């Protein structure tokens, strides 16, 4: 047995389907007409007004200068515009490190003297040799006359407790000067 509410629901659904189609069509038509361009959506038409161009004055022919109207420029007391503003002295140019003679560097010339450590001195009669260690821990046996350090240093003398190295450095004026440095054996405590 069908309930009374079920029958009413079926009638209501049938009525909604019939009237719903019409309602849907009316809503669709309203939306489409609202979305289209209307008189409120069109911008007002404006005219672009361009300003009139001013007329250029007519060029007048150039009159040739008279022979007595000669122009002379006096540059006395004025700087030459083609000269550099800052002039470097020869002494200032020499203050930069002088270029090394293009010969291959020995491994000991790649380190500063402060990076090298004197480990031992070997003496045999009148001949002496020294053992230098670089920062990587590699050891080198050197004699007098061996090139050492970045400033073209040369081992001049090997003593009982150190070595004397003669270096060529350049002073503030750019002139070469000789500097003597001494490396001594560092005793481990």
N, C-alpha and C. Protein backbone atom coordinates (compact mmCIF):
# COMPACT_ATOMS: atom_id res chain seq x y z
N UNK A 1 0.83 -1.16 0.00
CA UNK A 1 0.00 0.00 0.00
C UNK A 1 0.88 1.23 0.00
N UNK A 2 0.57 2.06 -0.90
CA UNK A 2 1.36 3.28 -1.05
C UNK A 2 0.93 4.30 -0.03
N UNK A 3 1.87 4.93 0.47
CA UNK A 3 1.53 5.95 1.45
C UNK A 3 1.11 7.21 0.77
N UNK A 4 0.42 8.04 1.49
CA UNK A 4 -0.11 9.27 0.94
C UNK A 4 1.02 10.25 0.63
N UNK A 5 2.03 10.24 1.45
CA UNK A 5 3.16 11.16 1.22
C UNK A 5 3.91 10.81 -0.05
N UNK A 6 4.01 9.51 -0.36
CA UNK A 6 4.71 9.09 -1.57
C UNK A 6 3.99 9.59 -2.81
N UNK A 7 2.70 9.59 -2.80
CA UNK A 7 1.91 10.04 -3.95
C UNK A 7 2.09 11.54 -4.12
N UNK A 8 2.04 12.25 -3.02
CA UNK A 8 2.22 13.71 -3.10
C UNK A 8 3.62 14.05 -3.60
N UNK A 9 4.61 13.29 -3.18
CA UNK A 9 5.99 13.54 -3.63
C UNK A 9 6.11 13.30 -5.13
N UNK A 10 5.43 12.28 -5.66
CA UNK A 10 5.51 11.98 -7.09
C UNK A 10 4.85 13.08 -7.90
N UNK A 11 3.71 13.61 -7.45
CA UNK A 11 3.05 14.71 -8.16
C UNK A 11 3.94 15.95 -8.15
N UNK A 12 4.49 16.16 -7.02
CA UNK A 12 5.34 17.35 -6.89
C UNK A 12 6.55 17.26 -7.83
N UNK A 13 7.11 16.09 -7.93
CA UNK A 13 8.28 15.88 -8.81
C UNK A 13 7.89 16.07 -10.27
N UNK A 14 6.75 15.55 -10.67
CA UNK A 14 6.28 15.69 -12.05
C UNK A 14 6.02 17.15 -12.38
N UNK A 15 5.44 17.85 -11.44
CA UNK A 15 5.16 19.28 -11.65
C UNK A 15 6.47 20.07 -11.73
N UNK A 16 7.42 19.70 -10.91
CA UNK A 16 8.72 20.40 -10.91
C UNK A 16 9.44 20.17 -12.22
N UNK A 17 9.34 18.96 -12.79
CA UNK A 17 9.99 18.69 -14.06
C UNK A 17 9.39 19.54 -15.15
N UNK A 18 8.08 19.65 -15.19
CA UNK A 18 7.42 20.41 -16.24
C UNK A 18 7.73 21.91 -16.09
N UNK A 19 7.57 22.42 -14.87
CA UNK A 19 7.79 23.85 -14.67
C UNK A 19 9.29 24.16 -14.57
N UNK A 20 10.08 23.17 -14.16
CA UNK A 20 11.52 23.38 -14.04
C UNK A 20 12.19 23.64 -15.38
N UNK A 21 11.72 22.99 -16.42
CA UNK A 21 12.27 23.19 -17.75
C UNK A 21 12.04 24.62 -18.19
N UNK A 22 10.80 25.09 -17.94
CA UNK A 22 10.49 26.48 -18.33
C UNK A 22 11.29 27.47 -17.48
N UNK A 23 11.40 27.17 -16.21
CA UNK A 23 12.18 28.09 -15.34
C UNK A 23 13.64 28.13 -15.77
N UNK A 24 14.16 27.01 -16.12
CA UNK A 24 15.55 26.94 -16.56
C UNK A 24 15.77 27.74 -17.83
N UNK A 25 14.83 27.64 -18.78
CA UNK A 25 14.95 28.40 -20.01
C UNK A 25 14.87 29.90 -19.76
N UNK A 26 14.00 30.31 -18.86
CA UNK A 26 13.85 31.73 -18.55
C UNK A 26 15.12 32.27 -17.88
N UNK A 27 15.69 31.50 -16.95
CA UNK A 27 16.92 31.93 -16.29
C UNK A 27 18.09 32.01 -17.27
N UNK A 28 18.19 31.05 -18.17
CA UNK A 28 19.25 31.05 -19.18
C UNK A 28 19.14 32.26 -20.09
N UNK A 29 17.93 32.59 -20.53
CA UNK A 29 17.72 33.75 -21.40
C UNK A 29 18.09 35.03 -20.66
N UNK A 30 17.75 35.11 -19.38
CA UNK A 30 18.05 36.32 -18.59
C UNK A 30 19.56 36.48 -18.44
N UNK A 31 20.24 35.38 -18.21
CA UNK A 31 21.70 35.44 -18.06
C UNK A 31 22.37 35.86 -19.35
N UNK A 32 21.92 35.31 -20.46
CA UNK A 32 22.55 35.64 -21.73
C UNK A 32 22.33 37.10 -22.12
N UNK A 33 21.18 37.62 -21.84
CA UNK A 33 20.95 39.02 -22.18
C UNK A 33 21.73 39.94 -21.26
N UNK A 34 21.96 39.52 -20.03
CA UNK A 34 22.71 40.35 -19.09
C UNK A 34 24.20 40.37 -19.43
N UNK A 35 24.72 39.31 -20.05
CA UNK A 35 26.15 39.21 -20.35
C UNK A 35 26.53 39.92 -21.64
N UNK A 36 25.61 40.17 -22.50
CA UNK A 36 25.94 40.76 -23.78
C UNK A 36 26.24 42.24 -23.67
N UNK A 37 26.84 42.81 -24.72
CA UNK A 37 27.15 44.24 -24.66
C UNK A 37 25.86 45.05 -24.74
N UNK A 38 25.82 46.00 -23.91
CA UNK A 38 24.66 46.87 -23.89
C UNK A 38 25.11 48.31 -23.99
N UNK A 39 24.20 49.22 -23.96
CA UNK A 39 24.58 50.62 -24.08
C UNK A 39 25.41 51.09 -22.90
N UNK A 40 25.32 50.46 -21.74
CA UNK A 40 26.10 50.90 -20.58
C UNK A 40 27.55 50.43 -20.69
N UNK A 41 27.79 49.35 -21.44
CA UNK A 41 29.13 48.79 -21.53
C UNK A 41 30.01 49.46 -22.59
N UNK A 42 29.46 50.13 -23.52
CA UNK A 42 30.27 50.73 -24.58
C UNK A 42 30.88 52.03 -24.07
N UNK A 43 32.17 52.21 -24.30
CA UNK A 43 32.81 53.44 -23.84
C UNK A 43 32.37 54.62 -24.70
N UNK A 44 32.36 55.78 -24.13
CA UNK A 44 31.97 56.96 -24.92
C UNK A 44 33.01 57.21 -26.00
N UNK A 45 32.56 57.61 -27.14
CA UNK A 45 33.46 57.86 -28.26
C UNK A 45 34.08 59.23 -28.09
N UNK A 46 35.42 59.26 -28.21
CA UNK A 46 36.14 60.54 -28.10
C UNK A 46 36.95 60.74 -29.36
N UNK A 47 37.14 61.97 -29.68
CA UNK A 47 37.95 62.30 -30.84
C UNK A 47 39.33 62.68 -30.36
N UNK A 48 40.34 62.21 -31.09
CA UNK A 48 41.71 62.56 -30.77
C UNK A 48 42.07 63.82 -31.54
N UNK A 49 42.49 64.81 -30.79
CA UNK A 49 42.86 66.07 -31.42
C UNK A 49 44.37 66.17 -31.38
N UNK A 50 44.96 66.31 -32.51
CA UNK A 50 46.40 66.46 -32.60
C UNK A 50 46.74 67.94 -32.73
N UNK A 51 47.74 68.35 -31.99
CA UNK A 51 48.10 69.77 -32.10
C UNK A 51 48.74 70.05 -33.45
N UNK A 52 48.52 71.22 -33.91
CA UNK A 52 49.11 71.59 -35.19
C UNK A 52 50.59 71.84 -35.01
N UNK A 53 51.33 71.43 -35.98
CA UNK A 53 52.78 71.61 -35.94
C UNK A 53 53.13 73.06 -36.22
N UNK A 54 54.13 73.48 -35.48
CA UNK A 54 54.60 74.85 -35.73
C UNK A 54 55.45 74.83 -36.99
N UNK A 55 55.34 75.82 -37.73
CA UNK A 55 56.13 75.88 -38.98
C UNK A 55 57.55 76.29 -38.65
N UNK A 56 58.47 75.60 -39.31
CA UNK A 56 59.88 75.93 -39.12
C UNK A 56 60.19 77.19 -39.92
N UNK A 57 61.03 78.01 -39.32
CA UNK A 57 61.41 79.20 -40.08
C UNK A 57 62.29 78.80 -41.26
N UNK A 58 62.19 79.52 -42.28
CA UNK A 58 62.99 79.21 -43.47
C UNK A 58 64.45 79.51 -43.18
N UNK A 59 65.31 78.62 -43.66
CA UNK A 59 66.75 78.82 -43.47
C UNK A 59 67.23 79.92 -44.39
N UNK A 60 68.04 80.75 -43.79
CA UNK A 60 68.62 81.82 -44.60
C UNK A 60 70.00 81.38 -45.05
N UNK A 61 70.37 81.72 -46.21
CA UNK A 61 71.69 81.29 -46.70
C UNK A 61 72.81 81.87 -45.84
N UNK A 62 73.87 81.06 -45.67
CA UNK A 62 75.01 81.46 -44.85
C UNK A 62 75.87 82.42 -45.66
N UNK A 63 76.21 83.50 -45.00
CA UNK A 63 77.06 84.50 -45.65
C UNK A 63 78.52 84.11 -45.44
N UNK A 64 79.32 84.11 -46.44
CA UNK A 64 80.74 83.81 -46.26
C UNK A 64 81.39 84.91 -45.42
N UNK A 65 82.35 84.48 -44.57
CA UNK A 65 83.03 85.43 -43.69
C UNK A 65 83.93 86.34 -44.51
N UNK A 66 84.02 87.51 -44.03
CA UNK A 66 84.91 88.48 -44.69
C UNK A 66 86.35 88.13 -44.38
N UNK A 67 87.25 88.53 -45.21
CA UNK A 67 88.67 88.20 -45.04
C UNK A 67 89.24 88.82 -43.77
N UNK A 68 88.70 89.92 -43.32
CA UNK A 68 89.27 90.57 -42.15
C UNK A 68 88.72 89.99 -40.84
N UNK A 69 87.71 89.08 -40.90
CA UNK A 69 87.13 88.47 -39.71
C UNK A 69 87.76 87.09 -39.47
N UNK A 70 89.04 87.01 -39.18
CA UNK A 70 89.69 85.72 -38.91
C UNK A 70 89.63 85.44 -37.42
N UNK A 71 89.50 84.16 -37.08
CA UNK A 71 89.39 83.75 -35.69
C UNK A 71 90.69 83.09 -35.28
N UNK A 72 91.19 83.44 -34.11
CA UNK A 72 92.42 82.84 -33.59
C UNK A 72 92.15 82.36 -32.19
N UNK A 73 92.53 81.13 -31.90
CA UNK A 73 92.32 80.54 -30.57
C UNK A 73 93.63 80.61 -29.82
N UNK A 74 93.56 81.13 -28.60
CA UNK A 74 94.75 81.24 -27.77
C UNK A 74 94.65 80.19 -26.66
N UNK A 75 95.48 79.14 -26.71
CA UNK A 75 95.43 78.04 -25.74
C UNK A 75 96.41 78.24 -24.60
N UNK A 76 97.01 79.38 -24.47
CA UNK A 76 98.00 79.58 -23.41
C UNK A 76 97.28 79.59 -22.06
N UNK A 77 97.84 78.85 -21.10
CA UNK A 77 97.28 78.78 -19.77
C UNK A 77 96.13 77.80 -19.63
N UNK A 78 95.76 77.11 -20.68
CA UNK A 78 94.66 76.15 -20.63
C UNK A 78 95.22 74.74 -20.75
N UNK A 79 94.61 73.78 -20.05
CA UNK A 79 95.14 72.41 -20.15
C UNK A 79 94.83 71.78 -21.51
N UNK A 80 95.71 70.89 -21.89
CA UNK A 80 95.50 70.16 -23.14
C UNK A 80 94.40 69.12 -22.90
N UNK A 81 93.31 69.15 -23.64
CA UNK A 81 92.22 68.20 -23.39
C UNK A 81 92.56 66.76 -23.75
N UNK A 82 93.63 66.54 -24.45
CA UNK A 82 94.00 65.21 -24.88
C UNK A 82 95.04 64.56 -23.97
N UNK A 83 95.50 65.26 -22.95
CA UNK A 83 96.46 64.69 -22.00
C UNK A 83 95.69 64.04 -20.86
N UNK A 84 96.21 62.95 -20.27
CA UNK A 84 95.51 62.32 -19.14
C UNK A 84 95.49 63.24 -17.93
N UNK A 85 94.44 63.12 -17.13
CA UNK A 85 94.31 63.98 -15.95
C UNK A 85 95.30 63.61 -14.87
N UNK A 86 95.62 62.31 -14.72
CA UNK A 86 96.55 61.86 -13.71
C UNK A 86 97.79 61.34 -14.42
N UNK A 87 98.93 61.91 -14.07
CA UNK A 87 100.18 61.50 -14.69
C UNK A 87 100.95 60.68 -13.67
N UNK A 88 101.33 59.47 -14.04
CA UNK A 88 102.08 58.60 -13.15
C UNK A 88 103.57 58.85 -13.33
N UNK A 89 104.25 58.95 -12.20
CA UNK A 89 105.70 59.10 -12.24
C UNK A 89 106.33 57.76 -12.55
N UNK A 90 107.56 57.81 -13.03
CA UNK A 90 108.27 56.56 -13.28
C UNK A 90 108.49 55.80 -11.98
N UNK A 91 108.67 56.53 -10.88
CA UNK A 91 108.88 55.87 -9.59
C UNK A 91 107.63 55.12 -9.16
N UNK A 92 106.45 55.70 -9.42
CA UNK A 92 105.22 55.02 -9.04
C UNK A 92 105.01 53.77 -9.87
N UNK A 93 105.43 53.80 -11.11
CA UNK A 93 105.29 52.62 -11.96
C UNK A 93 106.19 51.49 -11.46
N UNK A 94 107.32 51.85 -10.86
CA UNK A 94 108.27 50.85 -10.40
C UNK A 94 107.86 50.23 -9.07
N UNK A 95 106.91 50.84 -8.35
CA UNK A 95 106.54 50.30 -7.05
C UNK A 95 105.87 48.94 -7.18
N UNK A 96 105.29 48.69 -8.30
CA UNK A 96 104.72 47.36 -8.51
C UNK A 96 105.86 46.35 -8.56
N UNK A 97 105.57 45.13 -8.23
CA UNK A 97 106.58 44.08 -8.21
C UNK A 97 107.21 43.95 -9.58
N UNK A 98 108.53 43.99 -9.60
CA UNK A 98 109.25 43.86 -10.86
C UNK A 98 109.04 42.46 -11.41
N UNK A 99 108.87 42.36 -12.72
CA UNK A 99 108.62 41.03 -13.29
C UNK A 99 109.82 40.11 -13.13
N UNK A 100 109.53 38.88 -12.83
CA UNK A 100 110.56 37.86 -12.66
C UNK A 100 111.09 37.45 -14.04
N UNK A 101 112.35 37.12 -14.07
CA UNK A 101 112.94 36.63 -15.31
C UNK A 101 112.19 35.35 -15.67
N UNK A 102 111.85 35.22 -16.93
CA UNK A 102 111.02 34.08 -17.35
C UNK A 102 111.83 32.79 -17.39
N UNK A 103 112.10 32.27 -16.21
CA UNK A 103 112.72 30.95 -16.11
C UNK A 103 111.85 30.13 -15.16
N UNK A 104 111.85 28.83 -15.27
CA UNK A 104 110.99 28.03 -14.41
C UNK A 104 111.37 28.17 -12.94
N UNK A 105 110.37 28.17 -12.09
CA UNK A 105 110.61 28.29 -10.66
C UNK A 105 110.94 26.93 -10.07
N UNK A 106 111.83 26.96 -9.10
CA UNK A 106 112.10 25.73 -8.35
C UNK A 106 110.97 25.55 -7.34
N UNK A 107 110.77 24.36 -6.82
CA UNK A 107 109.70 24.17 -5.84
C UNK A 107 109.84 25.07 -4.62
N UNK A 108 111.06 25.35 -4.21
CA UNK A 108 111.26 26.20 -3.03
C UNK A 108 110.98 27.67 -3.33
N UNK A 109 110.96 28.08 -4.59
CA UNK A 109 110.67 29.47 -4.94
C UNK A 109 109.16 29.74 -4.94
N UNK A 110 108.37 28.74 -4.80
CA UNK A 110 106.92 28.93 -4.79
C UNK A 110 106.38 29.26 -3.41
N UNK A 111 107.24 29.18 -2.39
CA UNK A 111 106.83 29.46 -1.02
C UNK A 111 107.56 30.68 -0.49
N UNK A 112 106.90 31.41 0.41
CA UNK A 112 107.57 32.52 1.09
C UNK A 112 108.53 31.93 2.13
N UNK A 113 109.52 32.73 2.51
CA UNK A 113 110.49 32.24 3.49
C UNK A 113 109.83 31.91 4.82
N UNK A 114 108.78 32.63 5.16
CA UNK A 114 108.10 32.37 6.43
C UNK A 114 107.36 31.03 6.41
N UNK A 115 107.10 30.49 5.22
CA UNK A 115 106.41 29.20 5.11
C UNK A 115 107.38 28.01 5.20
N UNK A 116 108.66 28.28 5.00
CA UNK A 116 109.65 27.21 5.01
C UNK A 116 110.21 27.03 6.42
N UNK A 117 110.56 25.79 6.76
CA UNK A 117 111.09 25.48 8.09
C UNK A 117 112.43 24.77 7.92
N UNK A 118 113.43 25.24 8.66
CA UNK A 118 114.74 24.60 8.65
C UNK A 118 114.70 23.45 9.65
N UNK A 119 114.91 22.23 9.15
CA UNK A 119 114.78 21.04 9.97
C UNK A 119 116.14 20.56 10.47
N UNK A 120 117.14 20.55 9.59
CA UNK A 120 118.45 20.00 9.99
C UNK A 120 119.56 20.64 9.18
N UNK A 121 120.79 20.56 9.75
CA UNK A 121 121.98 20.99 9.03
C UNK A 121 122.96 19.82 9.05
N UNK A 122 123.51 19.52 7.89
CA UNK A 122 124.42 18.39 7.74
C UNK A 122 125.79 18.96 7.38
N UNK A 123 126.81 18.65 8.17
CA UNK A 123 128.17 19.14 7.92
C UNK A 123 129.10 17.95 7.72
N UNK A 124 129.98 18.09 6.73
CA UNK A 124 130.97 17.06 6.45
C UNK A 124 132.24 17.76 6.03
N UNK A 125 133.13 17.96 6.97
CA UNK A 125 134.38 18.66 6.65
C UNK A 125 134.11 20.12 6.37
N UNK A 126 134.50 20.55 5.17
CA UNK A 126 134.29 21.96 4.80
C UNK A 126 132.98 22.17 4.04
N UNK A 127 132.25 21.10 3.76
CA UNK A 127 130.98 21.21 3.03
C UNK A 127 129.81 21.10 4.01
N UNK A 128 128.76 21.91 3.74
CA UNK A 128 127.55 21.87 4.57
C UNK A 128 126.33 21.83 3.68
N UNK A 129 125.28 21.23 4.18
CA UNK A 129 123.99 21.19 3.50
C UNK A 129 122.91 21.36 4.57
N UNK A 130 121.72 21.76 4.12
CA UNK A 130 120.61 21.96 5.06
C UNK A 130 119.38 21.26 4.52
N UNK A 131 118.47 20.93 5.45
CA UNK A 131 117.22 20.28 5.07
C UNK A 131 116.08 21.25 5.38
N UNK A 132 115.39 21.71 4.30
CA UNK A 132 114.24 22.61 4.43
C UNK A 132 112.97 21.81 4.20
N UNK A 133 111.92 22.16 4.95
CA UNK A 133 110.63 21.49 4.81
C UNK A 133 109.57 22.54 4.42
N UNK A 134 108.79 22.22 3.37
CA UNK A 134 107.74 23.14 2.92
C UNK A 134 106.46 22.91 3.73
N UNK A 135 105.44 23.75 3.57
CA UNK A 135 104.22 23.61 4.37
C UNK A 135 103.48 22.28 4.17
N UNK A 136 103.73 21.61 3.05
CA UNK A 136 103.06 20.33 2.81
C UNK A 136 103.79 19.16 3.48
N UNK A 137 104.97 19.44 4.06
CA UNK A 137 105.72 18.41 4.75
C UNK A 137 106.80 17.77 3.90
N UNK A 138 107.00 18.25 2.68
CA UNK A 138 108.01 17.68 1.78
C UNK A 138 109.35 18.32 2.11
N UNK A 139 110.42 17.52 2.16
CA UNK A 139 111.75 18.02 2.53
C UNK A 139 112.65 18.18 1.32
N UNK A 140 113.54 19.19 1.40
CA UNK A 140 114.49 19.49 0.32
C UNK A 140 115.88 19.65 0.93
N UNK A 141 116.88 19.04 0.30
CA UNK A 141 118.27 19.23 0.72
C UNK A 141 118.84 20.37 -0.12
N UNK A 142 119.34 21.42 0.54
CA UNK A 142 119.83 22.62 -0.14
C UNK A 142 121.29 22.88 0.22
N UNK A 143 121.97 23.55 -0.70
CA UNK A 143 123.36 23.95 -0.51
C UNK A 143 123.47 25.46 -0.70
N UNK A 144 124.67 25.99 -0.52
CA UNK A 144 124.87 27.41 -0.79
C UNK A 144 124.67 27.66 -2.29
N UNK A 145 123.94 28.75 -2.61
CA UNK A 145 123.65 29.08 -4.00
C UNK A 145 122.28 28.60 -4.47
N UNK A 146 121.56 27.86 -3.63
CA UNK A 146 120.22 27.37 -4.01
C UNK A 146 119.21 28.51 -3.93
N UNK A 147 118.33 28.58 -4.94
CA UNK A 147 117.29 29.61 -4.98
C UNK A 147 116.15 29.22 -4.04
N UNK A 148 115.74 30.18 -3.17
CA UNK A 148 114.73 29.92 -2.15
C UNK A 148 113.84 31.15 -2.00
N UNK A 149 112.54 30.97 -1.86
CA UNK A 149 111.63 32.07 -1.55
C UNK A 149 111.11 32.77 -2.79
N UNK A 150 110.06 33.58 -2.57
CA UNK A 150 109.40 34.27 -3.68
C UNK A 150 110.14 35.50 -4.16
N UNK A 151 111.05 36.04 -3.36
CA UNK A 151 111.75 37.28 -3.74
C UNK A 151 113.15 37.01 -4.28
N UNK A 152 113.31 35.96 -5.07
CA UNK A 152 114.59 35.60 -5.67
C UNK A 152 115.69 35.47 -4.63
N UNK A 153 115.38 34.78 -3.55
CA UNK A 153 116.37 34.59 -2.49
C UNK A 153 117.39 33.53 -2.88
N UNK A 154 118.61 33.72 -2.37
CA UNK A 154 119.71 32.78 -2.63
C UNK A 154 120.34 32.46 -1.28
N UNK A 155 120.61 31.17 -1.03
CA UNK A 155 121.29 30.79 0.21
C UNK A 155 122.74 31.20 0.09
N UNK A 156 123.14 32.12 0.99
CA UNK A 156 124.50 32.67 0.94
C UNK A 156 125.45 31.85 1.80
N UNK A 157 125.00 31.47 2.99
CA UNK A 157 125.89 30.77 3.91
C UNK A 157 125.07 29.81 4.75
N UNK A 158 125.63 28.65 5.03
CA UNK A 158 125.02 27.67 5.92
C UNK A 158 125.86 27.66 7.20
N UNK A 159 125.24 28.02 8.31
CA UNK A 159 125.90 28.07 9.62
C UNK A 159 125.61 26.78 10.39
N UNK A 160 126.14 26.70 11.62
CA UNK A 160 125.90 25.52 12.45
C UNK A 160 124.46 25.44 12.94
N UNK A 161 123.80 26.60 13.13
CA UNK A 161 122.44 26.58 13.67
C UNK A 161 121.41 27.26 12.76
N UNK A 162 121.79 27.63 11.54
CA UNK A 162 120.84 28.28 10.64
C UNK A 162 121.44 28.53 9.26
N UNK A 163 120.66 29.18 8.41
CA UNK A 163 121.14 29.54 7.08
C UNK A 163 120.85 31.03 6.84
N UNK A 164 121.69 31.67 6.06
CA UNK A 164 121.53 33.08 5.70
C UNK A 164 121.10 33.15 4.25
N UNK A 165 119.99 33.90 4.02
CA UNK A 165 119.42 34.02 2.69
C UNK A 165 119.43 35.48 2.27
N UNK A 166 119.91 35.76 1.06
CA UNK A 166 119.94 37.10 0.49
C UNK A 166 118.78 37.22 -0.51
N UNK A 167 117.87 38.21 -0.28
CA UNK A 167 116.71 38.42 -1.16
C UNK A 167 116.80 39.78 -1.82
N UNK A 168 116.17 39.89 -2.98
CA UNK A 168 116.04 41.18 -3.67
C UNK A 168 114.59 41.62 -3.55
N UNK A 169 114.38 42.76 -2.87
CA UNK A 169 113.04 43.33 -2.74
C UNK A 169 113.06 44.72 -3.35
N UNK A 170 111.88 45.27 -3.62
CA UNK A 170 111.78 46.60 -4.21
C UNK A 170 111.14 47.54 -3.21
N UNK A 171 111.80 48.70 -2.98
CA UNK A 171 111.28 49.66 -2.00
C UNK A 171 110.13 50.46 -2.58
N UNK A 172 109.66 51.47 -1.83
CA UNK A 172 108.49 52.24 -2.25
C UNK A 172 108.75 53.06 -3.50
N UNK A 173 110.00 53.38 -3.76
CA UNK A 173 110.33 54.15 -4.96
C UNK A 173 110.48 53.23 -6.17
N UNK A 174 110.60 51.93 -5.93
CA UNK A 174 110.72 50.98 -7.02
C UNK A 174 112.14 50.55 -7.28
N UNK A 175 113.04 50.96 -6.42
CA UNK A 175 114.45 50.57 -6.60
C UNK A 175 114.70 49.24 -5.90
N UNK A 176 115.51 48.38 -6.50
CA UNK A 176 115.79 47.09 -5.87
C UNK A 176 116.71 47.28 -4.65
N UNK A 177 116.41 46.55 -3.59
CA UNK A 177 117.24 46.56 -2.39
C UNK A 177 117.52 45.12 -1.99
N UNK A 178 118.62 44.93 -1.33
CA UNK A 178 119.01 43.61 -0.88
C UNK A 178 118.61 43.45 0.59
N UNK A 179 117.97 42.32 0.92
CA UNK A 179 117.56 42.06 2.30
C UNK A 179 118.12 40.71 2.70
N UNK A 180 118.67 40.68 3.90
CA UNK A 180 119.25 39.45 4.42
C UNK A 180 118.31 38.87 5.47
N UNK A 181 117.99 37.59 5.32
CA UNK A 181 117.12 36.90 6.26
C UNK A 181 117.85 35.67 6.79
N UNK A 182 117.49 35.27 8.00
CA UNK A 182 118.12 34.11 8.61
C UNK A 182 117.03 33.13 9.03
N UNK A 183 117.19 31.89 8.63
CA UNK A 183 116.32 30.81 9.11
C UNK A 183 117.12 29.98 10.09
N UNK A 184 116.56 29.77 11.29
CA UNK A 184 117.25 28.98 12.32
C UNK A 184 116.48 27.71 12.56
N UNK A 185 117.19 26.72 13.08
CA UNK A 185 116.55 25.43 13.40
C UNK A 185 115.63 25.65 14.58
N UNK A 186 114.41 25.17 14.44
CA UNK A 186 113.45 25.25 15.55
C UNK A 186 113.54 23.96 16.36
N UNK A 187 113.88 24.12 17.60
CA UNK A 187 114.02 22.96 18.49
C UNK A 187 112.64 22.58 19.00
N UNK A 188 112.30 21.30 18.88
CA UNK A 188 111.04 20.80 19.42
C UNK A 188 111.16 20.64 20.92
N UNK A 189 110.22 21.11 21.68
CA UNK A 189 110.28 21.04 23.14
C UNK A 189 109.62 19.80 23.66
